Amino acid sequence: MNYRWADAARPPKGVAAEAIAVDCESRGDWSPDGLYEASKAESHPAHEDIWSEGDQVWAQRARVERCREIIRHINVEIEHGGKSYEVRAAEFVRVNGDGRWVSMEDIQNDNDLLRAYAAEVGRFLQQAVAKNAKLQALMDE
């Protein structure tokens, strides 16, 4: 197999996707927990990326990631056209390349945000369609 980093990935500096993939395959474990444990070895290709910064930096990142998770799982009920819909209370939206979290209420009330949100959903849809096409091609082989 030929491994490469996905578009928009932030790979470990100077580490080929192939190196991480070969490690995961050799261990028979592609889980984040498995990579974390394996990366503790100084010889591991991801060691420098994962272990070079202090625990305080990583603790802050983990807390911010936990906050993202909490925010992503808060829903709100909105009404439109006499119908009620349950959606996320806030979404990450890119406006002119600048990404930020925005409440669904603000998105509903601002045409620029609404267009930016629609574009974000469109990107996700394109990614899903592309993944599905690849999966279908694999299944058809």
Protein backbone atom coordinates (compact mmCIF):
# COMPACT_ATOMS: atom_id res chain seq x y z
CA MET A 1 0.00 0.00 0.00
CA ASN A 2 1.06 3.57 -0.61
CA TYR A 3 0.32 5.82 2.38
CA ARG A 4 0.28 9.62 2.33
CA TRP A 5 -1.05 12.37 4.56
CA ALA A 6 -4.58 13.54 3.82
CA ASP A 7 -5.15 17.03 2.47
CA ALA A 8 -5.17 19.65 5.24
CA ALA A 9 -3.45 17.24 7.65
CA ARG A 10 -0.98 18.54 10.21
CA PRO A 11 1.46 15.62 10.21
CA PRO A 12 4.38 15.26 12.58
CA LYS A 13 7.27 17.34 11.22
CA GLY A 14 9.50 15.31 8.92
CA VAL A 15 7.52 12.09 9.40
CA ALA A 16 6.08 10.24 6.41
CA ALA A 17 2.60 8.77 6.67
CA GLU A 18 4.20 5.51 5.57
CA ALA A 19 6.30 5.38 8.77
CA ILE A 20 3.27 5.68 11.03
CA ALA A 21 1.22 3.25 8.92
CA VAL A 22 3.98 0.61 8.92
CA ASP A 23 4.24 0.95 12.69
CA CYS A 24 0.47 0.56 13.14
CA GLU A 25 0.37 -2.44 10.82
CA SER A 26 3.33 -4.12 12.51
CA ARG A 27 1.63 -3.75 15.89
CA GLY A 28 -1.75 -4.78 14.46
CA ASP A 29 -3.25 -1.74 16.15
CA TRP A 30 -4.48 1.41 14.38
CA SER A 31 -6.09 2.91 17.49
CA PRO A 32 -5.09 6.32 18.89
CA ASP A 33 -4.38 4.60 22.23
CA GLY A 34 -2.04 2.17 20.50
CA LEU A 35 -0.18 4.97 18.72
CA TYR A 36 0.09 6.90 21.98
CA GLU A 37 1.63 3.94 23.78
CA ALA A 38 3.99 3.07 20.92
CA SER A 39 5.13 6.70 20.60
CA LYS A 40 6.63 6.59 24.09
CA ALA A 41 9.64 4.78 22.62
CA GLU A 42 12.27 7.35 21.62
CA SER A 43 12.85 5.45 18.37
CA HIS A 44 9.20 5.80 17.31
CA PRO A 45 8.62 8.12 14.31
CA ALA A 46 5.96 10.12 16.20
CA HIS A 47 7.89 10.35 19.48
CA GLU A 48 9.29 13.85 18.92
CA ASP A 49 5.93 15.25 17.81
CA ILE A 50 4.00 13.79 20.73
CA TRP A 51 6.52 13.97 23.56
CA SER A 52 8.69 17.04 22.87
CA GLU A 53 6.42 19.50 24.66
CA GLY A 54 5.74 19.55 28.37
CA ASP A 55 2.75 18.02 30.06
CA GLN A 56 1.20 21.45 30.72
CA VAL A 57 0.97 22.16 26.99
CA TRP A 58 -0.63 18.78 26.35
CA ALA A 59 -2.96 19.15 29.31
CA GLN A 60 -4.20 22.46 27.93
CA ARG A 61 -4.73 20.93 24.48
CA ALA A 62 -6.64 18.04 26.00
CA ARG A 63 -8.85 20.40 27.97
CA VAL A 64 -9.58 22.50 24.88
CA GLU A 65 -10.39 19.32 22.92
CA ARG A 66 -12.71 18.22 25.73
CA CYS A 67 -14.42 21.63 25.57
CA ARG A 68 -14.89 21.18 21.81
CA GLU A 69 -16.46 17.79 22.46
CA ILE A 70 -18.83 19.25 25.05
CA ILE A 71 -19.88 22.09 22.74
CA ARG A 72 -20.37 19.70 19.78
CA HIS A 73 -22.84 17.68 21.82
CA ILE A 74 -25.20 20.47 22.89
CA ASN A 75 -28.30 20.57 20.71
CA VAL A 76 -31.01 23.20 20.40
CA GLU A 77 -34.50 22.97 19.00
CA ILE A 78 -35.25 25.53 16.31
CA GLU A 79 -38.45 26.21 14.46
CA HIS A 80 -38.65 27.05 10.78
CA GLY A 81 -41.64 27.00 8.50
CA GLY A 82 -43.88 25.62 11.24
CA LYS A 83 -41.58 22.65 11.82
CA SER A 84 -39.25 21.93 14.70
CA TYR A 85 -35.67 20.71 14.18
CA GLU A 86 -33.02 19.62 16.64
CA VAL A 87 -29.54 20.82 15.61
CA ARG A 88 -26.23 21.59 17.25
CA ALA A 89 -26.39 24.74 19.37
CA ALA A 90 -23.08 25.95 17.91
CA GLU A 91 -21.07 25.14 14.81
CA PHE A 92 -17.54 25.81 13.62
CA VAL A 93 -17.81 28.10 10.61
CA ARG A 94 -15.15 29.55 8.30
CA VAL A 95 -15.88 33.11 7.22
CA ASN A 96 -13.34 34.42 4.70
CA GLY A 97 -10.86 31.78 5.85
CA ASP A 98 -11.22 32.69 9.53
CA GLY A 99 -12.70 29.80 11.52
CA ARG A 100 -14.71 30.29 14.70
CA TRP A 101 -17.49 28.76 16.74
CA VAL A 102 -20.85 30.45 16.21
CA SER A 103 -24.23 29.89 17.85
CA MET A 104 -27.02 28.53 15.68
CA GLU A 105 -29.07 31.60 16.60
CA ASP A 106 -26.37 33.87 15.15
CA ILE A 107 -26.14 31.68 12.04
CA GLN A 108 -29.91 31.93 11.53
CA ASN A 109 -29.87 35.72 11.90
CA ASP A 110 -26.83 36.57 9.74
CA ASN A 111 -26.87 35.85 6.00
CA ASP A 112 -23.05 35.84 5.75
CA LEU A 113 -22.80 33.28 8.55
CA LEU A 114 -25.61 31.25 7.02
CA ARG A 115 -23.80 31.13 3.65
CA ALA A 116 -20.52 30.24 5.38
CA TYR A 117 -22.27 27.48 7.34
CA ALA A 118 -23.87 26.14 4.16
CA ALA A 119 -20.42 26.08 2.54
CA GLU A 120 -19.02 24.19 5.55
CA VAL A 121 -21.82 21.62 5.31
CA GLY A 122 -21.15 21.38 1.57
CA ARG A 123 -17.48 20.58 2.25
CA PHE A 124 -18.49 17.80 4.64
CA LEU A 125 -20.94 16.47 2.09
CA GLN A 126 -18.26 16.44 -0.63
CA GLN A 127 -15.90 14.58 1.70
CA ALA A 128 -18.60 12.03 2.53
CA VAL A 129 -19.50 11.52 -1.15
CA ALA A 130 -15.82 11.04 -2.03
CA LYS A 131 -15.36 8.53 0.81
CA ASN A 132 -18.49 6.68 -0.27
CA ALA A 133 -17.29 6.52 -3.90
CA LYS A 134 -13.96 5.05 -2.79
CA LEU A 135 -15.73 2.52 -0.58
CA GLN A 136 -18.09 1.54 -3.40
CA ALA A 137 -15.11 1.09 -5.75
CA LEU A 138 -13.43 -1.18 -3.21
CA MET A 139 -16.60 -3.21 -2.77
CA ASP A 140 -17.04 -3.56 -6.55
CA GLU A 141 -13.54 -5.04 -7.01
